[in-house]
């Protein structure tokens, strides 16, 4: 029985020693945080009221040597509110948030093709091209891409109508390819003839009707993308 009590006493002593060591370590960490951010002599002083600073002091300097787990809770809450009110909303609308979104979508690497399928970046790219007075290829590419996806979807659903598809494609042709084009972007005769044949094929236009001209437009935009340092630093 005495031996059992001795063993239990030794365990209690070991537990007490471990708790004191843990408490001393926690107190050292708490003092380090206080001296780094809250002390009036702190190099990275966080702006808090004197009352809140004194409350933190009282919680980490208790007579029993133990640290109140809630020592910094009110200070944390005040700083959280400050960050939210002063910085968070501006951050959401900033170029840094935009970069983060792109990184999430592309693993940190992105190019023109990623931009064309990302609504936010596409808007910035359009603004850049407007500044350069060179939006024609992008507008064509987006319109042709819409038609491509539309024909694909209709074909899958069995709702494809050749006459309607011809009409939709002719709108693009008249705007960008015709000799009387309302918004010519510089496609040559070879490309124009190829598009004409694709539109007027028996059975109606295929989803690839504008593929070659889209590649030309993409390569032209890529030159603007790679040369436009304003885009990459958004």
C-alpha atoms as a PDB file:
ATOM      1  CA  UNK A   1       0.000   0.000   0.000  1.00  0.00           C
ATOM      2  CA  UNK A   2       2.800   2.399   0.916  1.00  0.00           C
ATOM      3  CA  UNK A   3       4.581   1.534  -2.286  1.00  0.00           C
ATOM      4  CA  UNK A   4       1.426   2.310  -4.275  1.00  0.00           C
ATOM      5  CA  UNK A   5       1.065   5.688  -2.530  1.00  0.00           C
ATOM      6  CA  UNK A   6       4.703   6.465  -3.261  1.00  0.00           C
ATOM      7  CA  UNK A   7       4.186   5.707  -6.930  1.00  0.00           C
ATOM      8  CA  UNK A   8       1.084   7.910  -7.053  1.00  0.00           C
ATOM      9  CA  UNK A   9       2.934  10.713  -5.252  1.00  0.00           C
ATOM     10  CA  UNK A  10       5.787  10.511  -7.763  1.00  0.00           C
ATOM     11  CA  UNK A  11       3.278  10.705 -10.622  1.00  0.00           C
ATOM     12  CA  UNK A  12       1.641  13.758  -9.050  1.00  0.00           C
ATOM     13  CA  UNK A  13       5.029  15.436  -8.751  1.00  0.00           C
ATOM     14  CA  UNK A  14       5.835  14.674 -12.365  1.00  0.00           C
ATOM     15  CA  UNK A  15       2.468  16.028 -13.491  1.00  0.00           C
ATOM     16  CA  UNK A  16       2.954  19.145 -11.369  1.00  0.00           C
ATOM     17  CA  UNK A  17       6.431  19.685 -12.817  1.00  0.00           C
ATOM     18  CA  UNK A  18       5.120  19.276 -16.359  1.00  0.00           C
ATOM     19  CA  UNK A  19       2.294  21.744 -15.689  1.00  0.00           C
ATOM     20  CA  UNK A  20       4.716  24.309 -14.242  1.00  0.00           C
ATOM     21  CA  UNK A  21       7.023  23.922 -17.222  1.00  0.00           C
ATOM     22  CA  UNK A  22       4.091  24.265 -19.609  1.00  0.00           C
ATOM     23  CA  UNK A  23       2.879  27.329 -17.720  1.00  0.00           C
ATOM     24  CA  UNK A  24       6.328  28.928 -17.826  1.00  0.00           C
ATOM     25  CA  UNK A  25       6.556  28.273 -21.570  1.00  0.00           C
ATOM     26  CA  UNK A  26       3.098  29.761 -22.153  1.00  0.00           C
ATOM     27  CA  UNK A  27       3.962  32.787 -20.024  1.00  0.00           C
ATOM     28  CA  UNK A  28       7.159  33.337 -22.019  1.00  0.00           C
ATOM     29  CA  UNK A  29       5.209  33.135 -25.296  1.00  0.00           C
ATOM     30  CA  UNK A  30       2.568  35.538 -23.994  1.00  0.00           C
ATOM     31  CA  UNK A  31       5.205  38.037 -22.840  1.00  0.00           C
ATOM     32  CA  UNK A  32       6.909  37.796 -26.219  1.00  0.00           C
ATOM     33  CA  UNK A  33       3.613  38.627 -27.989  1.00  0.00           C
ATOM     34  CA  UNK A  34       2.981  41.516 -25.598  1.00  0.00           C
ATOM     35  CA  UNK A  35       6.467  42.979 -25.976  1.00  0.00           C
ATOM     36  CA  UNK A  36       6.390  42.601 -29.769  1.00  0.00           C
ATOM     37  CA  UNK A  37       2.950  44.105 -30.459  1.00  0.00           C
ATOM     38  CA  UNK A  38       1.297  45.669 -27.391  1.00  0.00           C
ATOM     39  CA  UNK A  39       3.988  47.210 -25.212  1.00  0.00           C
ATOM     40  CA  UNK A  40       4.413  50.971 -25.623  1.00  0.00           C
ATOM     41  CA  UNK A  41       8.025  50.227 -26.563  1.00  0.00           C
ATOM     42  CA  UNK A  42       7.048  47.562 -29.106  1.00  0.00           C
ATOM     43  CA  UNK A  43       8.763  47.758 -32.509  1.00  0.00           C
ATOM     44  CA  UNK A  44       5.560  46.602 -34.227  1.00  0.00           C
ATOM     45  CA  UNK A  45       3.093  48.446 -32.019  1.00  0.00           C
ATOM     46  CA  UNK A  46      -0.588  47.634 -32.580  1.00  0.00           C
ATOM     47  CA  UNK A  47      -2.900  50.509 -31.793  1.00  0.00           C
ATOM     48  CA  UNK A  48      -5.050  49.573 -28.773  1.00  0.00           C
ATOM     49  CA  UNK A  49      -6.650  51.577 -25.998  1.00  0.00           C
ATOM     50  CA  UNK A  50      -4.747  51.886 -22.700  1.00  0.00           C
ATOM     51  CA  UNK A  51      -7.551  50.087 -20.864  1.00  0.00           C
ATOM     52  CA  UNK A  52      -7.322  47.100 -23.200  1.00  0.00           C
ATOM     53  CA  UNK A  53      -3.528  47.053 -22.964  1.00  0.00           C
ATOM     54  CA  UNK A  54      -3.709  47.061 -19.149  1.00  0.00           C
ATOM     55  CA  UNK A  55      -6.257  44.268 -19.179  1.00  0.00           C
ATOM     56  CA  UNK A  56      -3.894  42.115 -21.249  1.00  0.00           C
ATOM     57  CA  UNK A  57      -1.089  42.883 -18.801  1.00  0.00           C
ATOM     58  CA  UNK A  58      -3.196  41.788 -15.825  1.00  0.00           C
ATOM     59  CA  UNK A  59      -4.174  38.523 -17.528  1.00  0.00           C
ATOM     60  CA  UNK A  60      -0.619  37.468 -18.401  1.00  0.00           C
ATOM     61  CA  UNK A  61       0.924  38.597 -15.100  1.00  0.00           C
ATOM     62  CA  UNK A  62      -1.243  36.767 -12.572  1.00  0.00           C
ATOM     63  CA  UNK A  63       0.198  36.096  -9.127  1.00  0.00           C
ATOM     64  CA  UNK A  64      -0.111  32.321  -9.454  1.00  0.00           C
ATOM     65  CA  UNK A  65       2.086  32.363 -12.571  1.00  0.00           C
ATOM     66  CA  UNK A  66      -0.590  30.864 -14.810  1.00  0.00           C
ATOM     67  CA  UNK A  67      -1.743  32.478 -18.042  1.00  0.00           C
ATOM     68  CA  UNK A  68      -5.395  33.207 -18.671  1.00  0.00           C
ATOM     69  CA  UNK A  69      -6.252  31.451 -21.981  1.00  0.00           C
ATOM     70  CA  UNK A  70      -8.373  34.487 -22.887  1.00  0.00           C
ATOM     71  CA  UNK A  71      -5.522  36.956 -22.315  1.00  0.00           C
ATOM     72  CA  UNK A  72      -5.534  38.305 -25.866  1.00  0.00           C
ATOM     73  CA  UNK A  73      -9.159  37.592 -26.855  1.00  0.00           C
ATOM     74  CA  UNK A  74     -10.492  41.150 -26.639  1.00  0.00           C
ATOM     75  CA  UNK A  75      -7.385  42.512 -28.345  1.00  0.00           C
ATOM     76  CA  UNK A  76      -7.845  39.945 -31.127  1.00  0.00           C
ATOM     77  CA  UNK A  77     -11.498  40.913 -31.543  1.00  0.00           C
ATOM     78  CA  UNK A  78     -10.666  44.609 -31.782  1.00  0.00           C
ATOM     79  CA  UNK A  79      -7.926  44.006 -34.339  1.00  0.00           C
ATOM     80  CA  UNK A  80     -10.194  41.685 -36.354  1.00  0.00           C
ATOM     81  CA  UNK A  81     -12.867  44.404 -36.518  1.00  0.00           C
ATOM     82  CA  UNK A  82     -10.270  46.942 -37.570  1.00  0.00           C
ATOM     83  CA  UNK A  83      -8.961  44.718 -40.377  1.00  0.00           C
ATOM     84  CA  UNK A  84     -12.467  43.991 -41.607  1.00  0.00           C
ATOM     85  CA  UNK A  85     -13.659  47.604 -41.596  1.00  0.00           C
ATOM     86  CA  UNK A  86     -10.489  49.283 -42.854  1.00  0.00           C
ATOM     87  CA  UNK A  87      -8.950  46.793 -45.271  1.00  0.00           C
ATOM     88  CA  UNK A  88     -11.048  43.712 -46.111  1.00  0.00           C
ATOM     89  CA  UNK A  89     -13.635  45.191 -48.474  1.00  0.00           C
ATOM     90  CA  UNK A  90     -10.960  47.140 -50.366  1.00  0.00           C
ATOM     91  CA  UNK A  91      -8.902  43.955 -50.628  1.00  0.00           C
ATOM     92  CA  UNK A  92     -11.817  42.065 -52.207  1.00  0.00           C
ATOM     93  CA  UNK A  93     -11.910  44.643 -55.015  1.00  0.00           C
ATOM     94  CA  UNK A  94      -8.129  44.864 -55.404  1.00  0.00           C
ATOM     95  CA  UNK A  95      -5.700  43.479 -57.977  1.00  0.00           C
ATOM     96  CA  UNK A  96      -4.287  41.209 -55.260  1.00  0.00           C
ATOM     97  CA  UNK A  97      -7.591  39.392 -54.845  1.00  0.00           C
ATOM     98  CA  UNK A  98      -7.805  39.076 -58.614  1.00  0.00           C
ATOM     99  CA  UNK A  99      -4.323  37.530 -58.684  1.00  0.00           C
ATOM    100  CA  UNK A 100      -5.349  35.117 -55.943  1.00  0.00           C
ATOM    101  CA  UNK A 101      -8.423  34.008 -57.891  1.00  0.00           C
ATOM    102  CA  UNK A 102      -6.312  33.409 -60.990  1.00  0.00           C
ATOM    103  CA  UNK A 103      -3.747  31.447 -58.965  1.00  0.00           C
ATOM    104  CA  UNK A 104      -6.490  29.245 -57.514  1.00  0.00           C
ATOM    105  CA  UNK A 105      -7.912  28.553 -60.966  1.00  0.00           C
ATOM    106  CA  UNK A 106      -4.631  27.968 -62.762  1.00  0.00           C
ATOM    107  CA  UNK A 107      -2.178  26.797 -60.124  1.00  0.00           C
ATOM    108  CA  UNK A 108      -0.230  30.053 -60.325  1.00  0.00           C
ATOM    109  CA  UNK A 109       0.361  29.907 -64.087  1.00  0.00           C
ATOM    110  CA  UNK A 110      -2.004  31.627 -66.452  1.00  0.00           C
ATOM    111  CA  UNK A 111      -2.013  32.884 -69.996  1.00  0.00           C
ATOM    112  CA  UNK A 112      -4.353  34.352 -72.553  1.00  0.00           C
ATOM    113  CA  UNK A 113      -6.544  31.252 -72.808  1.00  0.00           C
ATOM    114  CA  UNK A 114      -7.156  31.343 -69.045  1.00  0.00           C
ATOM    115  CA  UNK A 115      -8.073  35.031 -69.289  1.00  0.00           C
ATOM    116  CA  UNK A 116     -10.614  34.436 -72.057  1.00  0.00           C
ATOM    117  CA  UNK A 117     -12.517  32.004 -69.828  1.00  0.00           C
ATOM    118  CA  UNK A 118     -12.274  34.029 -66.609  1.00  0.00           C
ATOM    119  CA  UNK A 119     -14.940  36.730 -66.330  1.00  0.00           C
ATOM    120  CA  UNK A 120     -12.995  39.153 -64.130  1.00  0.00           C
ATOM    121  CA  UNK A 121      -9.726  38.966 -66.051  1.00  0.00           C
ATOM    122  CA  UNK A 122     -11.573  39.098 -69.370  1.00  0.00           C
ATOM    123  CA  UNK A 123     -13.079  42.412 -68.289  1.00  0.00           C
ATOM    124  CA  UNK A 124      -9.630  43.789 -67.491  1.00  0.00           C
ATOM    125  CA  UNK A 125      -8.269  42.531 -70.805  1.00  0.00           C
ATOM    126  CA  UNK A 126     -11.122  44.197 -72.685  1.00  0.00           C
ATOM    127  CA  UNK A 127     -10.352  47.471 -70.899  1.00  0.00           C
ATOM    128  CA  UNK A 128      -6.713  47.152 -71.912  1.00  0.00           C
ATOM    129  CA  UNK A 129      -7.612  46.543 -75.554  1.00  0.00           C
ATOM    130  CA  UNK A 130     -10.038  49.477 -75.502  1.00  0.00           C
ATOM    131  CA  UNK A 131      -7.177  51.648 -74.315  1.00  0.00           C
ATOM    132  CA  UNK A 132      -5.146  50.356 -77.248  1.00  0.00           C
ATOM    133  CA  UNK A 133      -8.141  50.828 -79.584  1.00  0.00           C
ATOM    134  CA  UNK A 134      -7.814  47.175 -80.590  1.00  0.00           C
ATOM    135  CA  UNK A 135     -10.921  45.293 -79.422  1.00  0.00           C
ATOM    136  CA  UNK A 136     -11.999  43.880 -82.809  1.00  0.00           C
ATOM    137  CA  UNK A 137     -10.275  40.506 -82.574  1.00  0.00           C
ATOM    138  CA  UNK A 138     -11.504  39.906 -79.021  1.00  0.00           C
ATOM    139  CA  UNK A 139     -15.089  40.804 -79.909  1.00  0.00           C
ATOM    140  CA  UNK A 140     -14.930  38.484 -82.919  1.00  0.00           C
ATOM    141  CA  UNK A 141     -13.400  35.646 -80.891  1.00  0.00           C
ATOM    142  CA  UNK A 142     -16.060  35.888 -78.182  1.00  0.00           C
ATOM    143  CA  UNK A 143     -18.904  35.985 -80.714  1.00  0.00           C
ATOM    144  CA  UNK A 144     -17.505  33.056 -82.683  1.00  0.00           C
ATOM    145  CA  UNK A 145     -16.937  31.103 -79.467  1.00  0.00           C
ATOM    146  CA  UNK A 146     -20.552  31.670 -78.480  1.00  0.00           C
ATOM    147  CA  UNK A 147     -21.730  30.320 -81.846  1.00  0.00           C
ATOM    148  CA  UNK A 148     -19.384  27.324 -81.559  1.00  0.00           C
ATOM    149  CA  UNK A 149     -20.752  26.397 -78.133  1.00  0.00           C
ATOM    150  CA  UNK A 150     -24.327  26.996 -79.298  1.00  0.00           C
ATOM    151  CA  UNK A 151     -23.977  24.653 -82.288  1.00  0.00           C
ATOM    152  CA  UNK A 152     -22.317  22.028 -80.078  1.00  0.00           C
ATOM    153  CA  UNK A 153     -25.118  22.188 -77.510  1.00  0.00           C
ATOM    154  CA  UNK A 154     -27.861  22.076 -80.140  1.00  0.00           C
ATOM    155  CA  UNK A 155     -26.221  19.103 -81.849  1.00  0.00           C
ATOM    156  CA  UNK A 156     -26.035  17.190 -78.560  1.00  0.00           C
ATOM    157  CA  UNK A 157     -29.663  18.000 -77.722  1.00  0.00           C
ATOM    158  CA  UNK A 158     -30.901  17.211 -81.230  1.00  0.00           C
ATOM    159  CA  UNK A 159     -32.250  20.747 -81.704  1.00  0.00           C
ATOM    160  CA  UNK A 160     -29.787  21.857 -84.364  1.00  0.00           C
ATOM    161  CA  UNK A 161     -31.386  23.778 -87.236  1.00  0.00           C
ATOM    162  CA  UNK A 162     -29.150  24.368 -90.261  1.00  0.00           C
ATOM    163  CA  UNK A 163     -31.007  27.471 -91.461  1.00  0.00           C
ATOM    164  CA  UNK A 164     -30.825  29.123 -88.051  1.00  0.00           C
ATOM    165  CA  UNK A 165     -27.130  28.276 -87.773  1.00  0.00           C
ATOM    166  CA  UNK A 166     -26.460  29.766 -91.227  1.00  0.00           C
ATOM    167  CA  UNK A 167     -28.286  32.939 -90.193  1.00  0.00           C
ATOM    168  CA  UNK A 168     -26.270  33.262 -86.990  1.00  0.00           C
ATOM    169  CA  UNK A 169     -22.975  32.661 -88.789  1.00  0.00           C
ATOM    170  CA  UNK A 170     -23.844  35.138 -91.533  1.00  0.00           C
ATOM    171  CA  UNK A 171     -24.230  37.862 -88.921  1.00  0.00           C
ATOM    172  CA  UNK A 172     -20.608  37.247 -87.920  1.00  0.00           C
ATOM    173  CA  UNK A 173     -19.529  37.021 -91.568  1.00  0.00           C
ATOM    174  CA  UNK A 174     -21.183  40.332 -92.502  1.00  0.00           C
ATOM    175  CA  UNK A 175     -19.648  42.055 -89.494  1.00  0.00           C
ATOM    176  CA  UNK A 176     -16.042  40.829 -89.776  1.00  0.00           C
ATOM    177  CA  UNK A 177     -15.358  39.054 -93.117  1.00  0.00           C
ATOM    178  CA  UNK A 178     -17.466  40.496 -95.926  1.00  0.00           C
ATOM    179  CA  UNK A 179     -15.920  42.955 -98.393  1.00  0.00           C
ATOM    180  CA  UNK A 180     -18.508  45.363 -96.969  1.00  0.00           C
ATOM    181  CA  UNK A 181     -17.874  44.298 -93.352  1.00  0.00           C
ATOM    182  CA  UNK A 182     -19.139  46.756 -90.753  1.00  0.00           C
ATOM    183  CA  UNK A 183     -16.270  45.926 -88.366  1.00  0.00           C
ATOM    184  CA  UNK A 184     -13.376  44.585 -90.491  1.00  0.00           C
ATOM    185  CA  UNK A 185     -10.370  43.304 -88.534  1.00  0.00           C
ATOM    186  CA  UNK A 186      -8.120  42.431 -91.478  1.00  0.00           C
ATOM    187  CA  UNK A 187      -8.848  38.811 -92.385  1.00  0.00           C
ATOM    188  CA  UNK A 188      -7.439  38.082 -95.856  1.00  0.00           C
ATOM    189  CA  UNK A 189      -9.220  36.591 -98.875  1.00  0.00           C
ATOM    190  CA  UNK A 190      -8.096  33.017 -98.090  1.00  0.00           C
ATOM    191  CA  UNK A 191      -9.684  33.155 -94.651  1.00  0.00           C
ATOM    192  CA  UNK A 192     -12.826  34.775 -96.034  1.00  0.00           C
ATOM    193  CA  UNK A 193     -13.276  32.054 -98.682  1.00  0.00           C
ATOM    194  CA  UNK A 194     -12.730  29.349 -96.064  1.00  0.00           C
ATOM    195  CA  UNK A 195     -15.427  30.843 -93.824  1.00  0.00           C
ATOM    196  CA  UNK A 196     -17.823  31.186 -96.762  1.00  0.00           C
ATOM    197  CA  UNK A 197     -17.396  27.497 -97.622  1.00  0.00           C
ATOM    198  CA  UNK A 198     -17.858  26.486 -93.989  1.00  0.00           C
ATOM    199  CA  UNK A 199     -21.071  28.476 -93.650  1.00  0.00           C
ATOM    200  CA  UNK A 200     -22.543  27.285 -96.947  1.00  0.00           C
ATOM    201  CA  UNK A 201     -21.692  23.592 -96.561  1.00  0.00           C
ATOM    202  CA  UNK A 202     -24.443  21.054 -97.126  1.00  0.00           C
ATOM    203  CA  UNK A 203     -26.077  20.248 -93.818  1.00  0.00           C
ATOM    204  CA  UNK A 204     -25.234  23.615 -92.280  1.00  0.00           C
ATOM    205  CA  UNK A 205     -22.225  25.058 -90.435  1.00  0.00           C
ATOM    206  CA  UNK A 206     -20.217  22.873 -88.083  1.00  0.00           C
ATOM    207  CA  UNK A 207     -18.951  23.983 -84.649  1.00  0.00           C
ATOM    208  CA  UNK A 208     -15.542  24.396 -86.330  1.00  0.00           C
ATOM    209  CA  UNK A 209     -16.896  26.947 -88.812  1.00  0.00           C
ATOM    210  CA  UNK A 210     -14.708  29.769 -87.449  1.00  0.00           C
ATOM    211  CA  UNK A 211     -11.892  27.685 -85.938  1.00  0.00           C
ATOM    212  CA  UNK A 212      -9.145  28.890 -88.267  1.00  0.00           C
ATOM    213  CA  UNK A 213     -10.128  32.533 -87.969  1.00  0.00           C
ATOM    214  CA  UNK A 214     -10.414  32.169 -84.183  1.00  0.00           C
ATOM    215  CA  UNK A 215      -6.835  30.874 -84.102  1.00  0.00           C
ATOM    216  CA  UNK A 216      -5.708  33.910 -86.080  1.00  0.00           C
ATOM    217  CA  UNK A 217      -7.589  36.207 -83.689  1.00  0.00           C
ATOM    218  CA  UNK A 218      -6.133  34.366 -80.687  1.00  0.00           C
ATOM    219  CA  UNK A 219      -2.568  34.741 -81.955  1.00  0.00           C
ATOM    220  CA  UNK A 220      -3.166  38.426 -82.639  1.00  0.00           C
ATOM    221  CA  UNK A 221      -4.504  38.943 -79.114  1.00  0.00           C
ATOM    222  CA  UNK A 222      -1.610  36.958 -77.692  1.00  0.00           C
ATOM    223  CA  UNK A 223       0.752  39.577 -79.073  1.00  0.00           C
ATOM    224  CA  UNK A 224      -1.205  42.250 -77.197  1.00  0.00           C
ATOM    225  CA  UNK A 225      -1.311  40.085 -74.067  1.00  0.00           C
ATOM    226  CA  UNK A 226       2.408  39.377 -73.990  1.00  0.00           C
ATOM    227  CA  UNK A 227       3.305  42.931 -74.894  1.00  0.00           C
ATOM    228  CA  UNK A 228       0.838  44.564 -72.503  1.00  0.00           C
ATOM    229  CA  UNK A 229       2.663  44.699 -69.192  1.00  0.00           C
ATOM    230  CA  UNK A 230      -0.349  46.472 -67.713  1.00  0.00           C
ATOM    231  CA  UNK A 231      -2.278  43.195 -68.002  1.00  0.00           C
ATOM    232  CA  UNK A 232       0.190  40.958 -66.232  1.00  0.00           C
ATOM    233  CA  UNK A 233       0.507  43.289 -63.280  1.00  0.00           C
ATOM    234  CA  UNK A 234      -3.198  43.482 -62.515  1.00  0.00           C
END
